[in-house]
Amino acid sequence: MIKLVGLSRAFSSSSSMNSIKTLTVVGGGLMGSGIAQVAAQAGQEVIIVDVKPELLDKAQKSIHTNLTRVGKKLYKDESAKIEKFVSESFNKIKVSTNIEDGAKSDLIIEAIVEQLKPKQELFKKLDELSPAHTIFATNTSSISVNEIGADIKRKDRFGGLHFFNPVPVMRLLEVIKCDETS
């Protein structure tokens, strides 16, 4: 399991933020749903935001199936413990088609289409909507993180969190510091 609690130190020198309690993942596809799953398993409250309701439905089904698989590995034949694990983890995840529902989180991770312009537009909108303490991260694997964050005001609170696929299985996370990340 990936512990997201310590990520605030990677992005901020602020001592007022001790942990990340709420996380938004923008993008409900394979990567976004995997990130949401591991965050919920680690105890974070998670919101998955996507413009397509059918993608959110698919993400929820996939996450539930994957959590059940993880629960069976962790608790073997102890069905009550498996059900509790799945229920507690799954209930930490909410979904929305409205970006404003996720804009107030402590950490927002973008996992949308791998194209520069949509990523830049998303972060520009989030920069306007989110409180000053919010940390932004992109899950890009091929675009310059500095370019993605070029138009935002909070460059000191922006970086890359490149999760590897499949997220619930791969225990590897690349943290990418930008030129102005604090």
N, C-alpha and C. Protein backbone atom coordinates (compact mmCIF):
# COMPACT_ATOMS: atom_id res chain seq x y z
N MET A 1 0.82 -1.18 0.00
CA MET A 1 0.00 0.00 0.00
C MET A 1 0.87 1.25 0.00
N ILE A 2 0.45 2.24 -0.72
CA ILE A 2 1.19 3.50 -0.77
C ILE A 2 0.64 4.43 0.29
N LYS A 3 1.49 4.94 1.13
CA LYS A 3 1.09 5.89 2.16
C LYS A 3 1.21 7.29 1.59
N LEU A 4 0.09 8.00 1.49
CA LEU A 4 0.10 9.34 0.94
C LEU A 4 0.29 10.40 2.01
N VAL A 5 0.29 10.02 3.26
CA VAL A 5 0.37 10.97 4.35
C VAL A 5 1.63 11.82 4.28
N GLY A 6 2.76 11.26 3.92
CA GLY A 6 4.02 11.98 3.92
C GLY A 6 4.25 12.84 2.68
N LEU A 7 3.37 12.79 1.70
CA LEU A 7 3.61 13.53 0.48
C LEU A 7 3.59 15.03 0.67
N SER A 8 2.93 15.53 1.70
CA SER A 8 2.90 16.98 1.89
C SER A 8 4.31 17.52 2.09
N ARG A 9 5.20 16.75 2.70
CA ARG A 9 6.57 17.19 2.91
C ARG A 9 7.34 17.29 1.59
N ALA A 10 6.97 16.45 0.63
CA ALA A 10 7.65 16.48 -0.66
C ALA A 10 7.31 17.73 -1.46
N PHE A 11 6.17 18.34 -1.16
CA PHE A 11 5.71 19.47 -1.94
C PHE A 11 5.71 20.78 -1.18
N SER A 12 5.83 20.75 0.14
CA SER A 12 5.64 21.98 0.89
C SER A 12 6.57 22.06 2.08
N SER A 13 6.99 23.28 2.37
CA SER A 13 7.79 23.49 3.58
C SER A 13 6.90 23.95 4.72
N SER A 14 5.61 24.04 4.46
CA SER A 14 4.66 24.52 5.47
C SER A 14 4.51 23.49 6.58
N SER A 15 4.66 23.94 7.82
CA SER A 15 4.49 23.02 8.94
C SER A 15 3.05 22.96 9.40
N SER A 16 2.17 23.83 8.84
CA SER A 16 0.78 23.83 9.26
C SER A 16 0.01 22.65 8.68
N MET A 17 0.54 22.03 7.64
CA MET A 17 -0.15 20.89 7.04
C MET A 17 0.60 19.62 7.40
N ASN A 18 0.05 18.87 8.33
CA ASN A 18 0.73 17.67 8.80
C ASN A 18 0.43 16.43 7.98
N SER A 19 -0.73 16.42 7.30
CA SER A 19 -1.05 15.24 6.51
C SER A 19 -2.08 15.59 5.44
N ILE A 20 -2.19 14.70 4.52
CA ILE A 20 -3.18 14.82 3.46
C ILE A 20 -4.37 14.00 3.89
N LYS A 21 -5.48 14.67 4.12
CA LYS A 21 -6.69 13.99 4.58
C LYS A 21 -7.67 13.73 3.44
N THR A 22 -7.72 14.65 2.48
CA THR A 22 -8.63 14.48 1.34
C THR A 22 -7.84 14.56 0.05
N LEU A 23 -8.23 13.72 -0.89
CA LEU A 23 -7.53 13.62 -2.16
C LEU A 23 -8.56 13.56 -3.27
N THR A 24 -8.31 14.32 -4.31
CA THR A 24 -9.14 14.23 -5.51
C THR A 24 -8.29 13.66 -6.63
N VAL A 25 -8.85 12.73 -7.37
CA VAL A 25 -8.22 12.20 -8.56
C VAL A 25 -9.10 12.64 -9.73
N VAL A 26 -8.53 13.41 -10.64
CA VAL A 26 -9.28 13.84 -11.82
C VAL A 26 -8.94 12.88 -12.94
N GLY A 27 -9.94 12.12 -13.35
CA GLY A 27 -9.78 11.09 -14.36
C GLY A 27 -10.14 9.74 -13.76
N GLY A 28 -11.19 9.12 -14.26
CA GLY A 28 -11.67 7.86 -13.71
C GLY A 28 -11.28 6.64 -14.50
N GLY A 29 -10.28 6.77 -15.35
CA GLY A 29 -9.83 5.63 -16.14
C GLY A 29 -8.99 4.66 -15.32
N LEU A 30 -8.24 3.86 -16.00
CA LEU A 30 -7.43 2.82 -15.36
C LEU A 30 -6.48 3.39 -14.31
N MET A 31 -5.73 4.42 -14.66
CA MET A 31 -4.77 5.00 -13.72
C MET A 31 -5.49 5.72 -12.59
N GLY A 32 -6.47 6.55 -12.93
CA GLY A 32 -7.19 7.31 -11.91
C GLY A 32 -7.89 6.42 -10.90
N SER A 33 -8.54 5.37 -11.37
CA SER A 33 -9.24 4.49 -10.44
C SER A 33 -8.24 3.72 -9.57
N GLY A 34 -7.10 3.36 -10.13
CA GLY A 34 -6.07 2.69 -9.33
C GLY A 34 -5.49 3.59 -8.25
N ILE A 35 -5.25 4.85 -8.59
CA ILE A 35 -4.75 5.82 -7.61
C ILE A 35 -5.79 6.01 -6.51
N ALA A 36 -7.04 6.15 -6.90
CA ALA A 36 -8.11 6.32 -5.91
C ALA A 36 -8.20 5.11 -4.98
N GLN A 37 -8.07 3.92 -5.53
CA GLN A 37 -8.14 2.70 -4.72
C GLN A 37 -7.04 2.66 -3.67
N VAL A 38 -5.79 2.88 -4.07
CA VAL A 38 -4.71 2.77 -3.10
C VAL A 38 -4.79 3.89 -2.05
N ALA A 39 -5.27 5.05 -2.45
CA ALA A 39 -5.43 6.15 -1.49
C ALA A 39 -6.51 5.79 -0.47
N ALA A 40 -7.61 5.23 -0.92
CA ALA A 40 -8.67 4.82 0.00
C ALA A 40 -8.20 3.70 0.93
N GLN A 41 -7.45 2.75 0.39
CA GLN A 41 -6.90 1.68 1.21
C GLN A 41 -5.97 2.24 2.29
N ALA A 42 -5.29 3.35 1.97
CA ALA A 42 -4.36 3.97 2.92
C ALA A 42 -5.08 4.88 3.92
N GLY A 43 -6.40 5.02 3.77
CA GLY A 43 -7.18 5.77 4.75
C GLY A 43 -7.61 7.17 4.34
N GLN A 44 -7.28 7.60 3.12
CA GLN A 44 -7.68 8.93 2.68
C GLN A 44 -9.12 8.94 2.19
N GLU A 45 -9.77 10.08 2.36
CA GLU A 45 -11.07 10.33 1.75
C GLU A 45 -10.77 10.74 0.31
N VAL A 46 -11.44 10.11 -0.65
CA VAL A 46 -11.11 10.29 -2.06
C VAL A 46 -12.34 10.70 -2.86
N ILE A 47 -12.14 11.62 -3.78
CA ILE A 47 -13.17 11.96 -4.75
C ILE A 47 -12.58 11.70 -6.12
N ILE A 48 -13.28 10.93 -6.94
CA ILE A 48 -12.88 10.75 -8.33
C ILE A 48 -13.77 11.66 -9.17
N VAL A 49 -13.17 12.50 -9.97
CA VAL A 49 -13.92 13.41 -10.84
C VAL A 49 -13.64 13.04 -12.28
N ASP A 50 -14.70 12.88 -13.04
CA ASP A 50 -14.57 12.64 -14.48
C ASP A 50 -15.80 13.23 -15.17
N VAL A 51 -15.65 13.66 -16.40
CA VAL A 51 -16.77 14.26 -17.14
C VAL A 51 -17.75 13.21 -17.63
N LYS A 52 -17.34 11.95 -17.66
CA LYS A 52 -18.20 10.88 -18.18
C LYS A 52 -18.75 10.02 -17.04
N PRO A 53 -20.05 10.10 -16.76
CA PRO A 53 -20.64 9.28 -15.69
C PRO A 53 -20.41 7.78 -15.89
N GLU A 54 -20.44 7.33 -17.14
CA GLU A 54 -20.25 5.90 -17.40
C GLU A 54 -18.83 5.45 -17.01
N LEU A 55 -17.86 6.33 -17.13
CA LEU A 55 -16.50 6.01 -16.72
C LEU A 55 -16.40 5.93 -15.19
N LEU A 56 -17.15 6.77 -14.50
CA LEU A 56 -17.19 6.71 -13.04
C LEU A 56 -17.83 5.42 -12.56
N ASP A 57 -18.91 4.99 -13.24
CA ASP A 57 -19.56 3.71 -12.90
C ASP A 57 -18.58 2.55 -13.09
N LYS A 58 -17.88 2.57 -14.22
CA LYS A 58 -16.90 1.52 -14.51
C LYS A 58 -15.78 1.53 -13.47
N ALA A 59 -15.33 2.72 -13.09
CA ALA A 59 -14.27 2.84 -12.09
C ALA A 59 -14.71 2.25 -10.75
N GLN A 60 -15.94 2.56 -10.34
CA GLN A 60 -16.43 2.04 -9.06
C GLN A 60 -16.51 0.51 -9.08
N LYS A 61 -17.00 -0.05 -10.17
CA LYS A 61 -17.08 -1.51 -10.27
C LYS A 61 -15.69 -2.14 -10.23
N SER A 62 -14.77 -1.55 -10.97
CA SER A 62 -13.40 -2.06 -11.00
C SER A 62 -12.75 -1.97 -9.62
N ILE A 63 -12.91 -0.84 -8.96
CA ILE A 63 -12.33 -0.66 -7.62
C ILE A 63 -12.91 -1.69 -6.65
N HIS A 64 -14.22 -1.90 -6.69
CA HIS A 64 -14.85 -2.86 -5.78
C HIS A 64 -14.30 -4.27 -6.02
N THR A 65 -14.19 -4.64 -7.29
CA THR A 65 -13.63 -5.95 -7.65
C THR A 65 -12.19 -6.08 -7.16
N ASN A 66 -11.39 -5.04 -7.39
CA ASN A 66 -9.98 -5.08 -6.98
C ASN A 66 -9.83 -5.10 -5.46
N LEU A 67 -10.68 -4.34 -4.76
CA LEU A 67 -10.63 -4.35 -3.29
C LEU A 67 -10.98 -5.73 -2.74
N THR A 68 -11.94 -6.39 -3.37
CA THR A 68 -12.31 -7.74 -2.95
C THR A 68 -11.13 -8.69 -3.14
N ARG A 69 -10.44 -8.55 -4.27
CA ARG A 69 -9.26 -9.39 -4.53
C ARG A 69 -8.18 -9.14 -3.48
N VAL A 70 -7.93 -7.86 -3.17
CA VAL A 70 -6.93 -7.51 -2.15
C VAL A 70 -7.35 -8.06 -0.79
N GLY A 71 -8.62 -7.88 -0.45
CA GLY A 71 -9.14 -8.37 0.82
C GLY A 71 -8.95 -9.87 0.98
N LYS A 72 -9.19 -10.63 -0.09
CA LYS A 72 -9.01 -12.07 -0.05
C LYS A 72 -7.54 -12.46 0.15
N LYS A 73 -6.64 -11.67 -0.43
CA LYS A 73 -5.21 -11.94 -0.24
C LYS A 73 -4.79 -11.63 1.19
N LEU A 74 -5.34 -10.54 1.74
CA LEU A 74 -4.96 -10.13 3.09
C LEU A 74 -5.56 -11.03 4.17
N TYR A 75 -6.80 -11.45 3.97
CA TYR A 75 -7.54 -12.12 5.05
C TYR A 75 -7.97 -13.54 4.71
N LYS A 76 -7.44 -14.10 3.64
CA LYS A 76 -7.69 -15.48 3.22
C LYS A 76 -9.19 -15.83 3.25
N ASP A 77 -9.61 -16.68 4.17
CA ASP A 77 -10.99 -17.15 4.21
C ASP A 77 -11.83 -16.48 5.30
N GLU A 78 -11.33 -15.39 5.85
CA GLU A 78 -12.06 -14.69 6.91
C GLU A 78 -13.03 -13.69 6.28
N SER A 79 -14.20 -14.17 5.90
CA SER A 79 -15.14 -13.37 5.11
C SER A 79 -15.57 -12.08 5.81
N ALA A 80 -15.72 -12.08 7.11
CA ALA A 80 -16.12 -10.87 7.82
C ALA A 80 -15.04 -9.78 7.70
N LYS A 81 -13.78 -10.19 7.81
CA LYS A 81 -12.68 -9.22 7.69
C LYS A 81 -12.55 -8.72 6.25
N ILE A 82 -12.78 -9.62 5.30
CA ILE A 82 -12.73 -9.22 3.89
C ILE A 82 -13.81 -8.17 3.61
N GLU A 83 -15.03 -8.48 4.04
CA GLU A 83 -16.15 -7.55 3.82
C GLU A 83 -15.91 -6.21 4.50
N LYS A 84 -15.36 -6.22 5.71
CA LYS A 84 -15.08 -4.98 6.43
C LYS A 84 -14.03 -4.16 5.68
N PHE A 85 -12.96 -4.81 5.24
CA PHE A 85 -11.91 -4.12 4.48
C PHE A 85 -12.47 -3.49 3.22
N VAL A 86 -13.23 -4.26 2.45
CA VAL A 86 -13.80 -3.76 1.20
C VAL A 86 -14.75 -2.60 1.48
N SER A 87 -15.63 -2.79 2.44
CA SER A 87 -16.62 -1.76 2.76
C SER A 87 -15.96 -0.47 3.25
N GLU A 88 -15.02 -0.58 4.18
CA GLU A 88 -14.37 0.62 4.72
C GLU A 88 -13.57 1.35 3.65
N SER A 89 -12.86 0.63 2.82
CA SER A 89 -12.07 1.25 1.75
C SER A 89 -12.98 1.86 0.70
N PHE A 90 -13.97 1.09 0.25
CA PHE A 90 -14.86 1.55 -0.81
C PHE A 90 -15.67 2.77 -0.39
N ASN A 91 -16.09 2.80 0.87
CA ASN A 91 -16.90 3.93 1.35
C ASN A 91 -16.11 5.23 1.49
N LYS A 92 -14.81 5.17 1.37
CA LYS A 92 -13.98 6.38 1.40
C LYS A 92 -13.93 7.07 0.03
N ILE A 93 -14.50 6.43 -0.99
CA ILE A 93 -14.45 6.94 -2.35
C ILE A 93 -15.81 7.49 -2.76
N LYS A 94 -15.80 8.73 -3.19
CA LYS A 94 -16.99 9.39 -3.76
C LYS A 94 -16.67 9.70 -5.21
N VAL A 95 -17.70 9.88 -6.01
CA VAL A 95 -17.49 10.23 -7.42
C VAL A 95 -18.32 11.45 -7.78
N SER A 96 -17.85 12.17 -8.80
CA SER A 96 -18.57 13.36 -9.25
C SER A 96 -18.18 13.68 -10.69
N THR A 97 -19.10 14.33 -11.39
CA THR A 97 -18.80 14.84 -12.73
C THR A 97 -18.50 16.34 -12.67
N ASN A 98 -18.49 16.91 -11.48
CA ASN A 98 -18.28 18.34 -11.29
C ASN A 98 -16.93 18.60 -10.63
N ILE A 99 -16.03 19.27 -11.33
CA ILE A 99 -14.68 19.52 -10.81
C ILE A 99 -14.72 20.32 -9.51
N GLU A 100 -15.73 21.15 -9.31
CA GLU A 100 -15.83 21.94 -8.09
C GLU A 100 -16.00 21.07 -6.85
N ASP A 101 -16.57 19.88 -7.01
CA ASP A 101 -16.73 18.97 -5.88
C ASP A 101 -15.39 18.46 -5.34
N GLY A 102 -14.38 18.42 -6.19
CA GLY A 102 -13.07 17.94 -5.76
C GLY A 102 -12.03 19.01 -5.58
N ALA A 103 -12.39 20.26 -5.85
CA ALA A 103 -11.40 21.34 -5.86
C ALA A 103 -10.91 21.74 -4.48
N LYS A 104 -11.58 21.34 -3.43
CA LYS A 104 -11.20 21.76 -2.07
C LYS A 104 -10.33 20.75 -1.34
N SER A 105 -9.87 19.74 -2.03
CA SER A 105 -9.04 18.69 -1.41
C SER A 105 -7.66 19.20 -1.05
N ASP A 106 -6.98 18.44 -0.19
CA ASP A 106 -5.60 18.76 0.19
C ASP A 106 -4.61 18.47 -0.94
N LEU A 107 -4.92 17.42 -1.71
CA LEU A 107 -4.08 17.00 -2.83
C LEU A 107 -4.98 16.66 -4.00
N ILE A 108 -4.64 17.19 -5.17
CA ILE A 108 -5.38 16.84 -6.39
C ILE A 108 -4.38 16.24 -7.37
N ILE A 109 -4.68 15.02 -7.80
CA ILE A 109 -3.84 14.32 -8.76
C ILE A 109 -4.58 14.21 -10.07
N GLU A 110 -3.96 14.69 -11.12
CA GLU A 110 -4.54 14.64 -12.46
C GLU A 110 -4.13 13.35 -13.14
N ALA A 111 -5.12 12.65 -13.69
CA ALA A 111 -4.86 11.41 -14.44
C ALA A 111 -5.77 11.37 -15.67
N ILE A 112 -5.73 12.46 -16.45
CA ILE A 112 -6.57 12.55 -17.64
C ILE A 112 -5.75 12.19 -18.87
N VAL A 113 -6.34 12.43 -20.02
CA VAL A 113 -5.71 12.12 -21.31
C VAL A 113 -4.30 12.71 -21.37
N GLU A 114 -3.39 11.96 -21.98
CA GLU A 114 -1.98 12.33 -22.04
C GLU A 114 -1.74 13.34 -23.16
N GLN A 115 -2.30 14.55 -22.96
CA GLN A 115 -2.13 15.67 -23.90
C GLN A 115 -1.90 16.93 -23.11
N LEU A 116 -0.97 17.75 -23.56
CA LEU A 116 -0.56 18.94 -22.81
C LEU A 116 -1.70 19.93 -22.59
N LYS A 117 -2.40 20.32 -23.62
CA LYS A 117 -3.40 21.40 -23.51
C LYS A 117 -4.51 21.07 -22.50
N PRO A 118 -5.14 19.89 -22.57
CA PRO A 118 -6.17 19.58 -21.56
C PRO A 118 -5.64 19.59 -20.13
N LYS A 119 -4.41 19.13 -19.94
CA LYS A 119 -3.81 19.13 -18.61
C LYS A 119 -3.60 20.57 -18.12
N GLN A 120 -3.08 21.43 -18.99
CA GLN A 120 -2.86 22.82 -18.63
C GLN A 120 -4.18 23.51 -18.29
N GLU A 121 -5.21 23.27 -19.11
CA GLU A 121 -6.53 23.87 -18.87
C GLU A 121 -7.12 23.42 -17.55
N LEU A 122 -6.96 22.14 -17.24
CA LEU A 122 -7.46 21.61 -15.98
C LEU A 122 -6.78 22.30 -14.79
N PHE A 123 -5.46 22.36 -14.79
CA PHE A 123 -4.76 22.97 -13.66
C PHE A 123 -5.02 24.47 -13.55
N LYS A 124 -5.22 25.14 -14.66
CA LYS A 124 -5.55 26.56 -14.61
C LYS A 124 -6.90 26.75 -13.91
N LYS A 125 -7.87 25.89 -14.23
CA LYS A 125 -9.19 25.97 -13.59
C LYS A 125 -9.08 25.61 -12.10
N LEU A 126 -8.33 24.56 -11.79
CA LEU A 126 -8.15 24.16 -10.39
C LEU A 126 -7.44 25.24 -9.59
N ASP A 127 -6.50 25.93 -10.22
CA ASP A 127 -5.77 27.01 -9.56
C ASP A 127 -6.73 28.11 -9.10
N GLU A 128 -7.77 28.35 -9.88
CA GLU A 128 -8.77 29.36 -9.53
C GLU A 128 -9.72 28.87 -8.44
N LEU A 129 -10.05 27.58 -8.45
CA LEU A 129 -11.08 27.02 -7.57
C LEU A 129 -10.56 26.56 -6.21
N SER A 130 -9.32 26.15 -6.14
CA SER A 130 -8.80 25.47 -4.95
C SER A 130 -8.24 26.43 -3.92
N PRO A 131 -8.32 26.05 -2.63
CA PRO A 131 -7.71 26.87 -1.58
C PRO A 131 -6.19 26.88 -1.70
N ALA A 132 -5.56 27.84 -1.08
CA ALA A 132 -4.11 28.05 -1.19
C ALA A 132 -3.30 26.83 -0.74
N HIS A 133 -3.82 26.05 0.22
CA HIS A 133 -3.04 24.92 0.74
C HIS A 133 -3.02 23.71 -0.19
N THR A 134 -3.89 23.67 -1.19
CA THR A 134 -4.00 22.49 -2.05
C THR A 134 -2.74 22.27 -2.86
N ILE A 135 -2.31 21.02 -2.89
CA ILE A 135 -1.15 20.60 -3.66
C ILE A 135 -1.66 19.98 -4.96
N PHE A 136 -1.03 20.32 -6.07
CA PHE A 136 -1.39 19.77 -7.37
C PHE A 136 -0.31 18.82 -7.84
N ALA A 137 -0.74 17.71 -8.45
CA ALA A 137 0.22 16.76 -9.02
C ALA A 137 -0.35 16.18 -10.31
N THR A 138 0.53 15.95 -11.25
CA THR A 138 0.15 15.29 -12.49
C THR A 138 0.71 13.88 -12.48
N ASN A 139 -0.01 12.97 -13.10
CA ASN A 139 0.45 11.59 -13.21
C ASN A 139 1.05 11.33 -14.59
N THR A 140 1.44 12.37 -15.28
CA THR A 140 1.97 12.20 -16.63
C THR A 140 3.16 11.27 -16.66
N SER A 141 3.30 10.59 -17.77
CA SER A 141 4.47 9.72 -17.94
C SER A 141 5.36 10.20 -19.08
N SER A 142 4.88 11.19 -19.86
CA SER A 142 5.67 11.56 -21.03
C SER A 142 5.74 13.06 -21.33
N ILE A 143 4.98 13.88 -20.60
CA ILE A 143 4.97 15.32 -20.85
C ILE A 143 5.74 16.02 -19.74
N SER A 144 6.43 17.08 -20.10
CA SER A 144 7.19 17.85 -19.12
C SER A 144 6.26 18.38 -18.02
N VAL A 145 6.58 18.05 -16.79
CA VAL A 145 5.79 18.51 -15.65
C VAL A 145 5.86 20.04 -15.55
N ASN A 146 7.02 20.61 -15.82
CA ASN A 146 7.15 22.07 -15.82
C ASN A 146 6.22 22.72 -16.85
N GLU A 147 6.09 22.11 -18.03
CA GLU A 147 5.20 22.65 -19.06
C GLU A 147 3.74 22.56 -18.64
N ILE A 148 3.37 21.46 -18.01
CA ILE A 148 1.97 21.29 -17.58
C ILE A 148 1.59 22.38 -16.59
N GLY A 149 2.47 22.70 -15.66
CA GLY A 149 2.18 23.70 -14.64
C GLY A 149 2.59 25.11 -14.99
N ALA A 150 2.94 25.36 -16.24
CA ALA A 150 3.48 26.66 -16.64
C ALA A 150 2.54 27.83 -16.37
N ASP A 151 1.23 27.60 -16.45
CA ASP A 151 0.28 28.71 -16.35
C ASP A 151 -0.37 28.86 -14.97
N ILE A 152 0.03 28.04 -14.01
CA ILE A 152 -0.60 28.16 -12.69
C ILE A 152 0.18 29.12 -11.81
N LYS A 153 -0.49 29.65 -10.80
CA LYS A 153 0.13 30.61 -9.88
C LYS A 153 0.93 29.91 -8.79
N ARG A 154 0.49 28.76 -8.34
CA ARG A 154 1.13 28.06 -7.22
C ARG A 154 2.18 27.05 -7.68
N LYS A 155 3.13 27.49 -8.44
CA LYS A 155 4.17 26.60 -8.95
C LYS A 155 4.95 25.92 -7.83
N ASP A 156 4.98 26.54 -6.65
CA ASP A 156 5.69 25.95 -5.50
C ASP A 156 4.94 24.75 -4.93
N ARG A 157 3.67 24.57 -5.29
CA ARG A 157 2.84 23.48 -4.77
C ARG A 157 2.41 22.56 -5.91
N PHE A 158 3.28 22.41 -6.88
CA PHE A 158 2.97 21.61 -8.06
C PHE A 158 4.13 20.68 -8.37
N GLY A 159 3.80 19.47 -8.76
CA GLY A 159 4.82 18.50 -9.13
C GLY A 159 4.19 17.30 -9.80
N GLY A 160 4.98 16.28 -9.97
CA GLY A 160 4.50 15.06 -10.59
C GLY A 160 4.49 13.91 -9.61
N LEU A 161 3.44 13.12 -9.68
CA LEU A 161 3.35 11.85 -8.96
C LEU A 161 3.04 10.81 -10.02
N HIS A 162 4.07 10.16 -10.53
CA HIS A 162 3.89 9.21 -11.60
C HIS A 162 3.74 7.81 -11.01
N PHE A 163 2.49 7.36 -10.96
CA PHE A 163 2.19 6.01 -10.51
C PHE A 163 2.40 5.06 -11.69
N PHE A 164 2.73 3.82 -11.40
CA PHE A 164 2.96 2.84 -12.45
C PHE A 164 1.79 1.86 -12.50
N ASN A 165 1.54 1.33 -13.68
CA ASN A 165 0.36 0.51 -13.94
C ASN A 165 0.71 -0.98 -13.80
N PRO A 166 -0.15 -1.74 -13.14
CA PRO A 166 -1.38 -1.38 -12.44
C PRO A 166 -1.07 -0.81 -11.04
N VAL A 167 -1.68 0.31 -10.74
CA VAL A 167 -1.36 1.04 -9.51
C VAL A 167 -1.51 0.18 -8.25
N PRO A 168 -2.60 -0.59 -8.10
CA PRO A 168 -2.73 -1.37 -6.85
C PRO A 168 -1.68 -2.47 -6.68
N VAL A 169 -0.98 -2.82 -7.75
CA VAL A 169 0.01 -3.89 -7.69
C VAL A 169 1.43 -3.34 -7.63
N MET A 170 1.70 -2.32 -8.43
CA MET A 170 3.05 -1.75 -8.51
C MET A 170 3.30 -0.82 -7.33
N ARG A 171 4.28 -1.12 -6.53
CA ARG A 171 4.59 -0.32 -5.34
C ARG A 171 5.63 0.74 -5.67
N LEU A 172 5.59 1.23 -6.88
CA LEU A 172 6.56 2.20 -7.34
C LEU A 172 5.86 3.53 -7.61
N LEU A 173 6.42 4.60 -7.09
CA LEU A 173 5.88 5.93 -7.30
C LEU A 173 7.04 6.87 -7.56
N GLU A 174 7.04 7.51 -8.72
CA GLU A 174 8.06 8.48 -9.06
C GLU A 174 7.56 9.86 -8.66
N VAL A 175 8.29 10.55 -7.80
CA VAL A 175 7.95 11.90 -7.36
C VAL A 175 8.82 12.86 -8.19
N ILE A 176 8.18 13.78 -8.91
CA ILE A 176 8.90 14.68 -9.81
C ILE A 176 8.79 16.10 -9.30
N LYS A 177 9.92 16.66 -8.94
CA LYS A 177 9.99 18.04 -8.46
C LYS A 177 10.16 18.95 -9.67
N CYS A 178 9.39 20.03 -9.70
CA CYS A 178 9.52 21.02 -10.77
C CYS A 178 10.56 22.05 -10.40
N ASP A 179 10.84 22.95 -11.32
CA ASP A 179 11.84 24.00 -11.08
C ASP A 179 11.51 24.85 -9.86
N GLU A 180 10.21 25.09 -9.62
CA GLU A 180 9.81 25.98 -8.54
C GLU A 180 9.14 25.28 -7.36
N THR A 181 9.11 23.95 -7.37
CA THR A 181 8.50 23.22 -6.25
C THR A 181 9.25 23.53 -4.96
N SER A 182 8.50 23.88 -3.92
CA SER A 182 9.14 24.22 -2.64
C SER A 182 9.58 22.97 -1.89
